[in-house]
Amino acid sequence: MEETPQGGPAKTSLGMDENVEGLLAYLLGPITGIIFLLLEKESDFVRFHAMQSTVTFIAIWILQLVLRIIPVFGMLIGMLLSLVALAFWVLGMLKAYQGERYKFPIFGNLAEQWVGKVNV
């Protein structure tokens, strides 16, 4: 995350602080992730967090849908995935607000690769 000469977080093309916009990219999971991917044109920091939010929560959602097919075991694994999603959600918002470009396992590397390829 870049800083202004005064030491505060840099502003984004939307006029918000990068750390706040990064946090908001996780707020509603892939919905806000996609919104910030479409709207934010300049901040790589925000675009990374928006892509990570989108990739992470869509993948977990799809996996939970697939697991519903398996009667008891699928339900238990689905509940475990819900806890994992909650942990990623809180961790993502916290790290973004702290100005860190924290990468989730697997999803962070994908987000980092794909964010450069998404030029809206």
PDB file of N, CA and C in Angstrom:
ATOM      1  N   MET A   1       0.847  -1.172   0.000  1.00  0.00           N
ATOM      2  CA  MET A   1       0.000   0.000   0.000  1.00  0.00           C
ATOM      3  C   MET A   1       0.893   1.235   0.000  1.00  0.00           C
ATOM      4  N   GLU A   2       0.558   2.166  -0.832  1.00  0.00           N
ATOM      5  CA  GLU A   2       1.317   3.417  -0.902  1.00  0.00           C
ATOM      6  C   GLU A   2       0.877   4.352   0.214  1.00  0.00           C
ATOM      7  N   GLU A   3       1.769   5.269   0.543  1.00  0.00           N
ATOM      8  CA  GLU A   3       1.443   6.278   1.548  1.00  0.00           C
ATOM      9  C   GLU A   3       1.599   7.668   0.942  1.00  0.00           C
ATOM     10  N   THR A   4       0.844   8.594   1.483  1.00  0.00           N
ATOM     11  CA  THR A   4       0.976   9.990   1.064  1.00  0.00           C
ATOM     12  C   THR A   4       2.222  10.571   1.726  1.00  0.00           C
ATOM     13  N   PRO A   5       2.707  11.718   1.269  1.00  0.00           N
ATOM     14  CA  PRO A   5       3.872  12.341   1.906  1.00  0.00           C
ATOM     15  C   PRO A   5       3.655  12.618   3.404  1.00  0.00           C
ATOM     16  N   GLN A   6       2.413  12.787   3.821  1.00  0.00           N
ATOM     17  CA  GLN A   6       2.115  13.038   5.232  1.00  0.00           C
ATOM     18  C   GLN A   6       2.112  11.750   6.052  1.00  0.00           C
ATOM     19  N   GLY A   7       2.284  10.580   5.408  1.00  0.00           N
ATOM     20  CA  GLY A   7       2.354   9.313   6.119  1.00  0.00           C
ATOM     21  C   GLY A   7       1.049   8.545   6.185  1.00  0.00           C
ATOM     22  N   GLY A   8      -0.036   9.100   5.685  1.00  0.00           N
ATOM     23  CA  GLY A   8      -1.314   8.404   5.706  1.00  0.00           C
ATOM     24  C   GLY A   8      -1.481   7.521   4.481  1.00  0.00           C
ATOM     25  N   PRO A   9      -2.540   6.719   4.451  1.00  0.00           N
ATOM     26  CA  PRO A   9      -2.777   5.864   3.290  1.00  0.00           C
ATOM     27  C   PRO A   9      -3.072   6.693   2.034  1.00  0.00           C
ATOM     28  N   ALA A  10      -2.659   6.166   0.902  1.00  0.00           N
ATOM     29  CA  ALA A  10      -2.903   6.847  -0.373  1.00  0.00           C
ATOM     30  C   ALA A  10      -4.387   6.798  -0.716  1.00  0.00           C
ATOM     31  N   LYS A  11      -4.812   7.764  -1.499  1.00  0.00           N
ATOM     32  CA  LYS A  11      -6.198   7.796  -1.970  1.00  0.00           C
ATOM     33  C   LYS A  11      -6.314   6.968  -3.247  1.00  0.00           C
ATOM     34  N   THR A  12      -7.495   6.415  -3.458  1.00  0.00           N
ATOM     35  CA  THR A  12      -7.752   5.625  -4.658  1.00  0.00           C
ATOM     36  C   THR A  12      -8.403   6.495  -5.717  1.00  0.00           C
ATOM     37  N   SER A  13      -8.665   5.907  -6.876  1.00  0.00           N
ATOM     38  CA  SER A  13      -9.346   6.656  -7.931  1.00  0.00           C
ATOM     39  C   SER A  13     -10.781   6.998  -7.540  1.00  0.00           C
ATOM     40  N   LEU A  14     -11.313   6.320  -6.511  1.00  0.00           N
ATOM     41  CA  LEU A  14     -12.666   6.607  -6.026  1.00  0.00           C
ATOM     42  C   LEU A  14     -12.661   7.622  -4.883  1.00  0.00           C
ATOM     43  N   GLY A  15     -11.453   8.070  -4.488  1.00  0.00           N
ATOM     44  CA  GLY A  15     -11.340   9.093  -3.465  1.00  0.00           C
ATOM     45  C   GLY A  15     -11.296   8.585  -2.035  1.00  0.00           C
ATOM     46  N   MET A  16     -11.263   7.283  -1.838  1.00  0.00           N
ATOM     47  CA  MET A  16     -11.183   6.720  -0.487  1.00  0.00           C
ATOM     48  C   MET A  16      -9.742   6.354  -0.161  1.00  0.00           C
ATOM     49  N   ASP A  17      -9.462   6.151   1.126  1.00  0.00           N
ATOM     50  CA  ASP A  17      -8.166   5.617   1.517  1.00  0.00           C
ATOM     51  C   ASP A  17      -8.060   4.177   1.016  1.00  0.00           C
ATOM     52  N   GLU A  18      -6.866   3.785   0.581  1.00  0.00           N
ATOM     53  CA  GLU A  18      -6.674   2.431   0.055  1.00  0.00           C
ATOM     54  C   GLU A  18      -7.059   1.359   1.064  1.00  0.00           C
ATOM     55  N   ASN A  19      -6.697   1.558   2.327  1.00  0.00           N
ATOM     56  CA  ASN A  19      -6.983   0.521   3.317  1.00  0.00           C
ATOM     57  C   ASN A  19      -8.482   0.362   3.556  1.00  0.00           C
ATOM     58  N   VAL A  20      -9.220   1.446   3.528  1.00  0.00           N
ATOM     59  CA  VAL A  20     -10.675   1.372   3.719  1.00  0.00           C
ATOM     60  C   VAL A  20     -11.329   0.697   2.516  1.00  0.00           C
ATOM     61  N   GLU A  21     -10.905   1.072   1.330  1.00  0.00           N
ATOM     62  CA  GLU A  21     -11.470   0.471   0.123  1.00  0.00           C
ATOM     63  C   GLU A  21     -11.117  -1.018   0.045  1.00  0.00           C
ATOM     64  N   GLY A  22      -9.898  -1.376   0.469  1.00  0.00           N
ATOM     65  CA  GLY A  22      -9.504  -2.778   0.520  1.00  0.00           C
ATOM     66  C   GLY A  22     -10.382  -3.574   1.473  1.00  0.00           C
ATOM     67  N   LEU A  23     -10.667  -3.004   2.638  1.00  0.00           N
ATOM     68  CA  LEU A  23     -11.571  -3.640   3.603  1.00  0.00           C
ATOM     69  C   LEU A  23     -12.962  -3.821   2.999  1.00  0.00           C
ATOM     70  N   LEU A  24     -13.466  -2.783   2.362  1.00  0.00           N
ATOM     71  CA  LEU A  24     -14.810  -2.852   1.776  1.00  0.00           C
ATOM     72  C   LEU A  24     -14.919  -3.903   0.669  1.00  0.00           C
ATOM     73  N   ALA A  25     -13.802  -4.237   0.038  1.00  0.00           N
ATOM     74  CA  ALA A  25     -13.827  -5.260  -1.018  1.00  0.00           C
ATOM     75  C   ALA A  25     -14.237  -6.620  -0.470  1.00  0.00           C
ATOM     76  N   TYR A  26     -14.066  -6.828   0.833  1.00  0.00           N
ATOM     77  CA  TYR A  26     -14.448  -8.098   1.461  1.00  0.00           C
ATOM     78  C   TYR A  26     -15.840  -8.052   2.090  1.00  0.00           C
ATOM     79  N   LEU A  27     -16.379  -6.872   2.295  1.00  0.00           N
ATOM     80  CA  LEU A  27     -17.583  -6.707   3.102  1.00  0.00           C
ATOM     81  C   LEU A  27     -18.730  -7.635   2.696  1.00  0.00           C
ATOM     82  N   LEU A  28     -19.054  -7.696   1.429  1.00  0.00           N
ATOM     83  CA  LEU A  28     -20.127  -8.575   0.946  1.00  0.00           C
ATOM     84  C   LEU A  28     -19.573  -9.687   0.048  1.00  0.00           C
ATOM     85  N   GLY A  29     -18.351 -10.101   0.336  1.00  0.00           N
ATOM     86  CA  GLY A  29     -17.730 -11.196  -0.407  1.00  0.00           C
ATOM     87  C   GLY A  29     -17.552 -10.863  -1.873  1.00  0.00           C
ATOM     88  N   PRO A  30     -17.971 -11.771  -2.752  1.00  0.00           N
ATOM     89  CA  PRO A  30     -17.721 -11.552  -4.171  1.00  0.00           C
ATOM     90  C   PRO A  30     -18.491 -10.365  -4.763  1.00  0.00           C
ATOM     91  N   ILE A  31     -19.569  -9.967  -4.127  1.00  0.00           N
ATOM     92  CA  ILE A  31     -20.355  -8.840  -4.651  1.00  0.00           C
ATOM     93  C   ILE A  31     -19.523  -7.558  -4.606  1.00  0.00           C
ATOM     94  N   THR A  32     -18.997  -7.223  -3.427  1.00  0.00           N
ATOM     95  CA  THR A  32     -18.178  -6.011  -3.331  1.00  0.00           C
ATOM     96  C   THR A  32     -16.834  -6.206  -4.021  1.00  0.00           C
ATOM     97  N   GLY A  33     -16.343  -7.451  -4.051  1.00  0.00           N
ATOM     98  CA  GLY A  33     -15.108  -7.716  -4.783  1.00  0.00           C
ATOM     99  C   GLY A  33     -15.250  -7.358  -6.252  1.00  0.00           C
ATOM    100  N   ILE A  34     -16.325  -7.805  -6.869  1.00  0.00           N
ATOM    101  CA  ILE A  34     -16.570  -7.520  -8.285  1.00  0.00           C
ATOM    102  C   ILE A  34     -16.805  -6.026  -8.503  1.00  0.00           C
ATOM    103  N   ILE A  35     -17.547  -5.407  -7.599  1.00  0.00           N
ATOM    104  CA  ILE A  35     -17.811  -3.970  -7.726  1.00  0.00           C
ATOM    105  C   ILE A  35     -16.502  -3.180  -7.741  1.00  0.00           C
ATOM    106  N   PHE A  36     -15.597  -3.492  -6.798  1.00  0.00           N
ATOM    107  CA  PHE A  36     -14.339  -2.746  -6.757  1.00  0.00           C
ATOM    108  C   PHE A  36     -13.406  -3.125  -7.902  1.00  0.00           C
ATOM    109  N   LEU A  37     -13.498  -4.345  -8.407  1.00  0.00           N
ATOM    110  CA  LEU A  37     -12.715  -4.697  -9.606  1.00  0.00           C
ATOM    111  C   LEU A  37     -13.160  -3.851 -10.796  1.00  0.00           C
ATOM    112  N   LEU A  38     -14.447  -3.597 -10.888  1.00  0.00           N
ATOM    113  CA  LEU A  38     -14.976  -2.814 -12.003  1.00  0.00           C
ATOM    114  C   LEU A  38     -14.720  -1.314 -11.841  1.00  0.00           C
ATOM    115  N   LEU A  39     -14.809  -0.817 -10.605  1.00  0.00           N
ATOM    116  CA  LEU A  39     -14.732   0.624 -10.385  1.00  0.00           C
ATOM    117  C   LEU A  39     -13.328   1.161 -10.151  1.00  0.00           C
ATOM    118  N   GLU A  40     -12.499   0.405  -9.447  1.00  0.00           N
ATOM    119  CA  GLU A  40     -11.163   0.900  -9.099  1.00  0.00           C
ATOM    120  C   GLU A  40     -10.206   0.704 -10.268  1.00  0.00           C
ATOM    121  N   LYS A  41      -9.659   1.795 -10.756  1.00  0.00           N
ATOM    122  CA  LYS A  41      -8.804   1.764 -11.948  1.00  0.00           C
ATOM    123  C   LYS A  41      -7.309   1.876 -11.628  1.00  0.00           C
ATOM    124  N   GLU A  42      -6.952   2.445 -10.474  1.00  0.00           N
ATOM    125  CA  GLU A  42      -5.554   2.768 -10.224  1.00  0.00           C
ATOM    126  C   GLU A  42      -4.868   1.925  -9.160  1.00  0.00           C
ATOM    127  N   SER A  43      -5.516   1.648  -8.069  1.00  0.00           N
ATOM    128  CA  SER A  43      -4.869   1.022  -6.922  1.00  0.00           C
ATOM    129  C   SER A  43      -4.723  -0.500  -7.102  1.00  0.00           C
ATOM    130  N   ASP A  44      -3.479  -0.944  -7.272  1.00  0.00           N
ATOM    131  CA  ASP A  44      -3.216  -2.384  -7.343  1.00  0.00           C
ATOM    132  C   ASP A  44      -3.537  -3.062  -6.015  1.00  0.00           C
ATOM    133  N   PHE A  45      -3.332  -2.341  -4.918  1.00  0.00           N
ATOM    134  CA  PHE A  45      -3.634  -2.871  -3.589  1.00  0.00           C
ATOM    135  C   PHE A  45      -5.117  -3.227  -3.475  1.00  0.00           C
ATOM    136  N   VAL A  46      -5.977  -2.303  -3.848  1.00  0.00           N
ATOM    137  CA  VAL A  46      -7.422  -2.529  -3.768  1.00  0.00           C
ATOM    138  C   VAL A  46      -7.845  -3.593  -4.769  1.00  0.00           C
ATOM    139  N   ARG A  47      -7.310  -3.543  -5.969  1.00  0.00           N
ATOM    140  CA  ARG A  47      -7.672  -4.529  -6.994  1.00  0.00           C
ATOM    141  C   ARG A  47      -7.246  -5.939  -6.573  1.00  0.00           C
ATOM    142  N   PHE A  48      -6.091  -6.072  -5.913  1.00  0.00           N
ATOM    143  CA  PHE A  48      -5.673  -7.374  -5.411  1.00  0.00           C
ATOM    144  C   PHE A  48      -6.672  -7.899  -4.384  1.00  0.00           C
ATOM    145  N   HIS A  49      -7.042  -7.061  -3.399  1.00  0.00           N
ATOM    146  CA  HIS A  49      -7.978  -7.508  -2.362  1.00  0.00           C
ATOM    147  C   HIS A  49      -9.360  -7.794  -2.948  1.00  0.00           C
ATOM    148  N   ALA A  50      -9.768  -7.014  -3.929  1.00  0.00           N
ATOM    149  CA  ALA A  50     -11.062  -7.262  -4.572  1.00  0.00           C
ATOM    150  C   ALA A  50     -11.045  -8.597  -5.325  1.00  0.00           C
ATOM    151  N   MET A  51      -9.957  -8.881  -6.027  1.00  0.00           N
ATOM    152  CA  MET A  51      -9.846 -10.150  -6.748  1.00  0.00           C
ATOM    153  C   MET A  51      -9.756 -11.321  -5.770  1.00  0.00           C
ATOM    154  N   GLN A  52      -8.996 -11.161  -4.703  1.00  0.00           N
ATOM    155  CA  GLN A  52      -8.876 -12.238  -3.721  1.00  0.00           C
ATOM    156  C   GLN A  52     -10.221 -12.533  -3.077  1.00  0.00           C
ATOM    157  N   SER A  53     -10.969 -11.505  -2.747  1.00  0.00           N
ATOM    158  CA  SER A  53     -12.305 -11.678  -2.181  1.00  0.00           C
ATOM    159  C   SER A  53     -13.211 -12.420  -3.157  1.00  0.00           C
ATOM    160  N   THR A  54     -13.200 -12.002  -4.402  1.00  0.00           N
ATOM    161  CA  THR A  54     -14.047 -12.612  -5.428  1.00  0.00           C
ATOM    162  C   THR A  54     -13.701 -14.084  -5.629  1.00  0.00           C
ATOM    163  N   VAL A  55     -12.427 -14.367  -5.844  1.00  0.00           N
ATOM    164  CA  VAL A  55     -11.982 -15.739  -6.119  1.00  0.00           C
ATOM    165  C   VAL A  55     -12.248 -16.643  -4.917  1.00  0.00           C
ATOM    166  N   THR A  56     -11.900 -16.179  -3.724  1.00  0.00           N
ATOM    167  CA  THR A  56     -12.047 -16.992  -2.519  1.00  0.00           C
ATOM    168  C   THR A  56     -13.494 -17.362  -2.259  1.00  0.00           C
ATOM    169  N   PHE A  57     -14.364 -16.363  -2.238  1.00  0.00           N
ATOM    170  CA  PHE A  57     -15.731 -16.631  -1.809  1.00  0.00           C
ATOM    171  C   PHE A  57     -16.583 -17.295  -2.896  1.00  0.00           C
ATOM    172  N   ILE A  58     -16.275 -17.068  -4.155  1.00  0.00           N
ATOM    173  CA  ILE A  58     -16.978 -17.815  -5.210  1.00  0.00           C
ATOM    174  C   ILE A  58     -16.556 -19.282  -5.173  1.00  0.00           C
ATOM    175  N   ALA A  59     -15.258 -19.546  -4.976  1.00  0.00           N
ATOM    176  CA  ALA A  59     -14.782 -20.937  -4.906  1.00  0.00           C
ATOM    177  C   ALA A  59     -15.401 -21.668  -3.721  1.00  0.00           C
ATOM    178  N   ILE A  60     -15.457 -21.033  -2.571  1.00  0.00           N
ATOM    179  CA  ILE A  60     -16.060 -21.675  -1.393  1.00  0.00           C
ATOM    180  C   ILE A  60     -17.546 -21.912  -1.620  1.00  0.00           C
ATOM    181  N   TRP A  61     -18.227 -20.963  -2.219  1.00  0.00           N
ATOM    182  CA  TRP A  61     -19.660 -21.101  -2.492  1.00  0.00           C
ATOM    183  C   TRP A  61     -19.919 -22.280  -3.432  1.00  0.00           C
ATOM    184  N   ILE A  62     -19.135 -22.391  -4.500  1.00  0.00           N
ATOM    185  CA  ILE A  62     -19.295 -23.500  -5.450  1.00  0.00           C
ATOM    186  C   ILE A  62     -19.025 -24.831  -4.762  1.00  0.00           C
ATOM    187  N   LEU A  63     -17.977 -24.890  -3.970  1.00  0.00           N
ATOM    188  CA  LEU A  63     -17.644 -26.117  -3.254  1.00  0.00           C
ATOM    189  C   LEU A  63     -18.767 -26.517  -2.301  1.00  0.00           C
ATOM    190  N   GLN A  64     -19.358 -25.557  -1.626  1.00  0.00           N
ATOM    191  CA  GLN A  64     -20.480 -25.854  -0.734  1.00  0.00           C
ATOM    192  C   GLN A  64     -21.684 -26.377  -1.518  1.00  0.00           C
ATOM    193  N   LEU A  65     -21.938 -25.821  -2.692  1.00  0.00           N
ATOM    194  CA  LEU A  65     -23.037 -26.325  -3.528  1.00  0.00           C
ATOM    195  C   LEU A  65     -22.808 -27.775  -3.943  1.00  0.00           C
ATOM    196  N   VAL A  66     -21.596 -28.083  -4.335  1.00  0.00           N
ATOM    197  CA  VAL A  66     -21.261 -29.445  -4.749  1.00  0.00           C
ATOM    198  C   VAL A  66     -21.381 -30.404  -3.568  1.00  0.00           C
ATOM    199  N   LEU A  67     -20.957 -29.990  -2.395  1.00  0.00           N
ATOM    200  CA  LEU A  67     -20.992 -30.852  -1.218  1.00  0.00           C
ATOM    201  C   LEU A  67     -22.413 -31.159  -0.744  1.00  0.00           C
ATOM    202  N   ARG A  68     -23.366 -30.342  -1.122  1.00  0.00           N
ATOM    203  CA  ARG A  68     -24.762 -30.601  -0.728  1.00  0.00           C
ATOM    204  C   ARG A  68     -25.286 -31.922  -1.277  1.00  0.00           C
ATOM    205  N   ILE A  69     -24.652 -32.407  -2.327  1.00  0.00           N
ATOM    206  CA  ILE A  69     -25.079 -33.673  -2.937  1.00  0.00           C
ATOM    207  C   ILE A  69     -24.814 -34.846  -1.990  1.00  0.00           C
ATOM    208  N   ILE A  70     -23.741 -34.766  -1.206  1.00  0.00           N
ATOM    209  CA  ILE A  70     -23.358 -35.842  -0.292  1.00  0.00           C
ATOM    210  C   ILE A  70     -24.143 -35.668   1.006  1.00  0.00           C
ATOM    211  N   PRO A  71     -24.979 -36.664   1.384  1.00  0.00           N
ATOM    212  CA  PRO A  71     -25.901 -36.498   2.517  1.00  0.00           C
ATOM    213  C   PRO A  71     -25.283 -35.966   3.818  1.00  0.00           C
ATOM    214  N   VAL A  72     -24.684 -36.748   4.645  1.00  0.00           N
ATOM    215  CA  VAL A  72     -24.239 -36.283   5.962  1.00  0.00           C
ATOM    216  C   VAL A  72     -22.835 -35.680   5.903  1.00  0.00           C
ATOM    217  N   PHE A  73     -21.931 -36.383   5.272  1.00  0.00           N
ATOM    218  CA  PHE A  73     -20.549 -35.933   5.174  1.00  0.00           C
ATOM    219  C   PHE A  73     -20.458 -34.576   4.479  1.00  0.00           C
ATOM    220  N   GLY A  74     -21.213 -34.391   3.420  1.00  0.00           N
ATOM    221  CA  GLY A  74     -21.201 -33.124   2.692  1.00  0.00           C
ATOM    222  C   GLY A  74     -21.687 -31.974   3.541  1.00  0.00           C
ATOM    223  N   MET A  75     -22.700 -32.232   4.360  1.00  0.00           N
ATOM    224  CA  MET A  75     -23.217 -31.189   5.235  1.00  0.00           C
ATOM    225  C   MET A  75     -22.161 -30.791   6.280  1.00  0.00           C
ATOM    226  N   LEU A  76     -21.477 -31.773   6.843  1.00  0.00           N
ATOM    227  CA  LEU A  76     -20.451 -31.485   7.847  1.00  0.00           C
ATOM    228  C   LEU A  76     -19.279 -30.704   7.247  1.00  0.00           C
ATOM    229  N   ILE A  77     -18.831 -31.120   6.084  1.00  0.00           N
ATOM    230  CA  ILE A  77     -17.735 -30.416   5.416  1.00  0.00           C
ATOM    231  C   ILE A  77     -18.191 -29.009   5.011  1.00  0.00           C
ATOM    232  N   GLY A  78     -19.444 -28.888   4.582  1.00  0.00           N
ATOM    233  CA  GLY A  78     -20.000 -27.578   4.229  1.00  0.00           C
ATOM    234  C   GLY A  78     -20.010 -26.627   5.413  1.00  0.00           C
ATOM    235  N   MET A  79     -20.348 -27.139   6.598  1.00  0.00           N
ATOM    236  CA  MET A  79     -20.330 -26.300   7.801  1.00  0.00           C
ATOM    237  C   MET A  79     -18.896 -25.894   8.150  1.00  0.00           C
ATOM    238  N   LEU A  80     -17.955 -26.815   7.980  1.00  0.00           N
ATOM    239  CA  LEU A  80     -16.553 -26.496   8.214  1.00  0.00           C
ATOM    240  C   LEU A  80     -16.081 -25.415   7.244  1.00  0.00           C
ATOM    241  N   LEU A  81     -16.504 -25.524   5.985  1.00  0.00           N
ATOM    242  CA  LEU A  81     -16.155 -24.503   4.992  1.00  0.00           C
ATOM    243  C   LEU A  81     -16.744 -23.138   5.353  1.00  0.00           C
ATOM    244  N   SER A  82     -17.907 -23.137   5.971  1.00  0.00           N
ATOM    245  CA  SER A  82     -18.502 -21.872   6.418  1.00  0.00           C
ATOM    246  C   SER A  82     -17.626 -21.199   7.462  1.00  0.00           C
ATOM    247  N   LEU A  83     -17.049 -21.998   8.351  1.00  0.00           N
ATOM    248  CA  LEU A  83     -16.139 -21.441   9.355  1.00  0.00           C
ATOM    249  C   LEU A  83     -14.852 -20.931   8.707  1.00  0.00           C
ATOM    250  N   VAL A  84     -14.353 -21.659   7.719  1.00  0.00           N
ATOM    251  CA  VAL A  84     -13.163 -21.230   6.984  1.00  0.00           C
ATOM    252  C   VAL A  84     -13.457 -19.911   6.265  1.00  0.00           C
ATOM    253  N   ALA A  85     -14.633 -19.818   5.645  1.00  0.00           N
ATOM    254  CA  ALA A  85     -15.025 -18.592   4.947  1.00  0.00           C
ATOM    255  C   ALA A  85     -15.104 -17.421   5.925  1.00  0.00           C
ATOM    256  N   LEU A  86     -15.656 -17.662   7.106  1.00  0.00           N
ATOM    257  CA  LEU A  86     -15.736 -16.603   8.122  1.00  0.00           C
ATOM    258  C   LEU A  86     -14.338 -16.143   8.520  1.00  0.00           C
ATOM    259  N   ALA A  87     -13.434 -17.092   8.711  1.00  0.00           N
ATOM    260  CA  ALA A  87     -12.056 -16.737   9.082  1.00  0.00           C
ATOM    261  C   ALA A  87     -11.387 -15.931   7.968  1.00  0.00           C
ATOM    262  N   PHE A  88     -11.550 -16.352   6.703  1.00  0.00           N
ATOM    263  CA  PHE A  88     -10.988 -15.601   5.577  1.00  0.00           C
ATOM    264  C   PHE A  88     -11.594 -14.208   5.493  1.00  0.00           C
ATOM    265  N   TRP A  89     -12.884 -14.109   5.735  1.00  0.00           N
ATOM    266  CA  TRP A  89     -13.588 -12.828   5.653  1.00  0.00           C
ATOM    267  C   TRP A  89     -13.014 -11.832   6.668  1.00  0.00           C
ATOM    268  N   VAL A  90     -12.919 -12.276   7.934  1.00  0.00           N
ATOM    269  CA  VAL A  90     -12.399 -11.405   8.995  1.00  0.00           C
ATOM    270  C   VAL A  90     -10.925 -11.088   8.745  1.00  0.00           C
ATOM    271  N   LEU A  91     -10.128 -12.117   8.415  1.00  0.00           N
ATOM    272  CA  LEU A  91      -8.700 -11.923   8.168  1.00  0.00           C
ATOM    273  C   LEU A  91      -8.457 -10.976   6.987  1.00  0.00           C
ATOM    274  N   GLY A  92      -9.224 -11.154   5.920  1.00  0.00           N
ATOM    275  CA  GLY A  92      -9.070 -10.299   4.747  1.00  0.00           C
ATOM    276  C   GLY A  92      -9.361  -8.845   5.065  1.00  0.00           C
ATOM    277  N   MET A  93     -10.458  -8.592   5.776  1.00  0.00           N
ATOM    278  CA  MET A  93     -10.789  -7.211   6.133  1.00  0.00           C
ATOM    279  C   MET A  93      -9.739  -6.620   7.062  1.00  0.00           C
ATOM    280  N   LEU A  94      -9.295  -7.393   8.044  1.00  0.00           N
ATOM    281  CA  LEU A  94      -8.298  -6.911   8.995  1.00  0.00           C
ATOM    282  C   LEU A  94      -6.974  -6.572   8.307  1.00  0.00           C
ATOM    283  N   LYS A  95      -6.484  -7.491   7.487  1.00  0.00           N
ATOM    284  CA  LYS A  95      -5.194  -7.276   6.825  1.00  0.00           C
ATOM    285  C   LYS A  95      -5.273  -6.124   5.817  1.00  0.00           C
ATOM    286  N   ALA A  96      -6.381  -6.017   5.102  1.00  0.00           N
ATOM    287  CA  ALA A  96      -6.537  -4.908   4.157  1.00  0.00           C
ATOM    288  C   ALA A  96      -6.557  -3.581   4.903  1.00  0.00           C
ATOM    289  N   TYR A  97      -7.263  -3.524   6.017  1.00  0.00           N
ATOM    290  CA  TYR A  97      -7.330  -2.284   6.784  1.00  0.00           C
ATOM    291  C   TYR A  97      -5.965  -1.908   7.360  1.00  0.00           C
ATOM    292  N   GLN A  98      -5.165  -2.920   7.691  1.00  0.00           N
ATOM    293  CA  GLN A  98      -3.817  -2.670   8.209  1.00  0.00           C
ATOM    294  C   GLN A  98      -2.835  -2.319   7.095  1.00  0.00           C
ATOM    295  N   GLY A  99      -3.304  -2.368   5.848  1.00  0.00           N
ATOM    296  CA  GLY A  99      -2.456  -1.995   4.724  1.00  0.00           C
ATOM    297  C   GLY A  99      -1.570  -3.120   4.220  1.00  0.00           C
ATOM    298  N   GLU A 100      -1.869  -4.356   4.599  1.00  0.00           N
ATOM    299  CA  GLU A 100      -1.060  -5.496   4.178  1.00  0.00           C
ATOM    300  C   GLU A 100      -1.652  -6.156   2.937  1.00  0.00           C
ATOM    301  N   ARG A 101      -0.773  -6.580   2.060  1.00  0.00           N
ATOM    302  CA  ARG A 101      -1.193  -7.328   0.877  1.00  0.00           C
ATOM    303  C   ARG A 101      -1.081  -8.817   1.233  1.00  0.00           C
ATOM    304  N   TYR A 102      -1.891  -9.248   2.165  1.00  0.00           N
ATOM    305  CA  TYR A 102      -1.861 -10.604   2.690  1.00  0.00           C
ATOM    306  C   TYR A 102      -2.513 -11.568   1.699  1.00  0.00           C
ATOM    307  N   LYS A 103      -1.809 -12.667   1.410  1.00  0.00           N
ATOM    308  CA  LYS A 103      -2.342 -13.637   0.453  1.00  0.00           C
ATOM    309  C   LYS A 103      -2.885 -14.866   1.181  1.00  0.00           C
ATOM    310  N   PHE A 104      -4.146 -15.206   0.898  1.00  0.00           N
ATOM    311  CA  PHE A 104      -4.716 -16.453   1.409  1.00  0.00           C
ATOM    312  C   PHE A 104      -4.026 -17.624   0.708  1.00  0.00           C
ATOM    313  N   PRO A 105      -3.947 -18.779   1.366  1.00  0.00           N
ATOM    314  CA  PRO A 105      -3.392 -19.951   0.675  1.00  0.00           C
ATOM    315  C   PRO A 105      -4.190 -20.228  -0.607  1.00  0.00           C
ATOM    316  N   ILE A 106      -3.530 -20.560  -1.655  1.00  0.00           N
ATOM    317  CA  ILE A 106      -4.060 -20.879  -2.985  1.00  0.00           C
ATOM    318  C   ILE A 106      -4.724 -19.658  -3.638  1.00  0.00           C
ATOM    319  N   PHE A 107      -5.744 -19.110  -3.001  1.00  0.00           N
ATOM    320  CA  PHE A 107      -6.522 -18.023  -3.588  1.00  0.00           C
ATOM    321  C   PHE A 107      -5.694 -16.749  -3.777  1.00  0.00           C
ATOM    322  N   GLY A 108      -4.782 -16.472  -2.866  1.00  0.00           N
ATOM    323  CA  GLY A 108      -3.959 -15.271  -2.963  1.00  0.00           C
ATOM    324  C   GLY A 108      -3.067 -15.270  -4.189  1.00  0.00           C
ATOM    325  N   ASN A 109      -2.461 -16.427  -4.480  1.00  0.00           N
ATOM    326  CA  ASN A 109      -1.615 -16.531  -5.675  1.00  0.00           C
ATOM    327  C   ASN A 109      -2.439 -16.379  -6.948  1.00  0.00           C
ATOM    328  N   LEU A 110      -3.627 -16.989  -6.965  1.00  0.00           N
ATOM    329  CA  LEU A 110      -4.512 -16.835  -8.130  1.00  0.00           C
ATOM    330  C   LEU A 110      -4.912 -15.374  -8.305  1.00  0.00           C
ATOM    331  N   ALA A 111      -5.293 -14.741  -7.221  1.00  0.00           N
ATOM    332  CA  ALA A 111      -5.702 -13.327  -7.287  1.00  0.00           C
ATOM    333  C   ALA A 111      -4.572 -12.455  -7.801  1.00  0.00           C
ATOM    334  N   GLU A 112      -3.365 -12.728  -7.311  1.00  0.00           N
ATOM    335  CA  GLU A 112      -2.211 -11.934  -7.739  1.00  0.00           C
ATOM    336  C   GLU A 112      -1.943 -12.103  -9.233  1.00  0.00           C
ATOM    337  N   GLN A 113      -2.079 -13.331  -9.725  1.00  0.00           N
ATOM    338  CA  GLN A 113      -1.879 -13.586 -11.166  1.00  0.00           C
ATOM    339  C   GLN A 113      -2.985 -12.941 -11.993  1.00  0.00           C
ATOM    340  N   TRP A 114      -4.207 -13.083 -11.558  1.00  0.00           N
ATOM    341  CA  TRP A 114      -5.350 -12.644 -12.360  1.00  0.00           C
ATOM    342  C   TRP A 114      -5.606 -11.155 -12.300  1.00  0.00           C
ATOM    343  N   VAL A 115      -5.210 -10.486 -11.226  1.00  0.00           N
ATOM    344  CA  VAL A 115      -5.523  -9.060 -11.098  1.00  0.00           C
ATOM    345  C   VAL A 115      -4.811  -8.255 -12.190  1.00  0.00           C
ATOM    346  N   GLY A 116      -3.652  -8.691 -12.619  1.00  0.00           N
ATOM    347  CA  GLY A 116      -2.949  -8.008 -13.700  1.00  0.00           C
ATOM    348  C   GLY A 116      -3.585  -8.219 -15.061  1.00  0.00           C
ATOM    349  N   LYS A 117      -4.337  -9.300 -15.179  1.00  0.00           N
ATOM    350  CA  LYS A 117      -4.981  -9.623 -16.447  1.00  0.00           C
ATOM    351  C   LYS A 117      -6.354  -8.999 -16.604  1.00  0.00           C
ATOM    352  N   VAL A 118      -6.907  -8.475 -15.515  1.00  0.00           N
ATOM    353  CA  VAL A 118      -8.231  -7.867 -15.564  1.00  0.00           C
ATOM    354  C   VAL A 118      -8.055  -6.369 -15.708  1.00  0.00           C
ATOM    355  N   ASN A 119      -8.168  -5.881 -16.907  1.00  0.00           N
ATOM    356  CA  ASN A 119      -8.094  -4.447 -17.159  1.00  0.00           C
ATOM    357  C   ASN A 119      -9.415  -3.991 -17.722  1.00  0.00           C
ATOM    358  N   VAL A 120     -10.278  -3.530 -16.843  1.00  0.00           N
ATOM    359  CA  VAL A 120     -11.615  -3.120 -17.262  1.00  0.00           C
ATOM    360  C   VAL A 120     -11.581  -1.700 -17.717  1.00  0.00           C
TER     361      VAL A 120
END
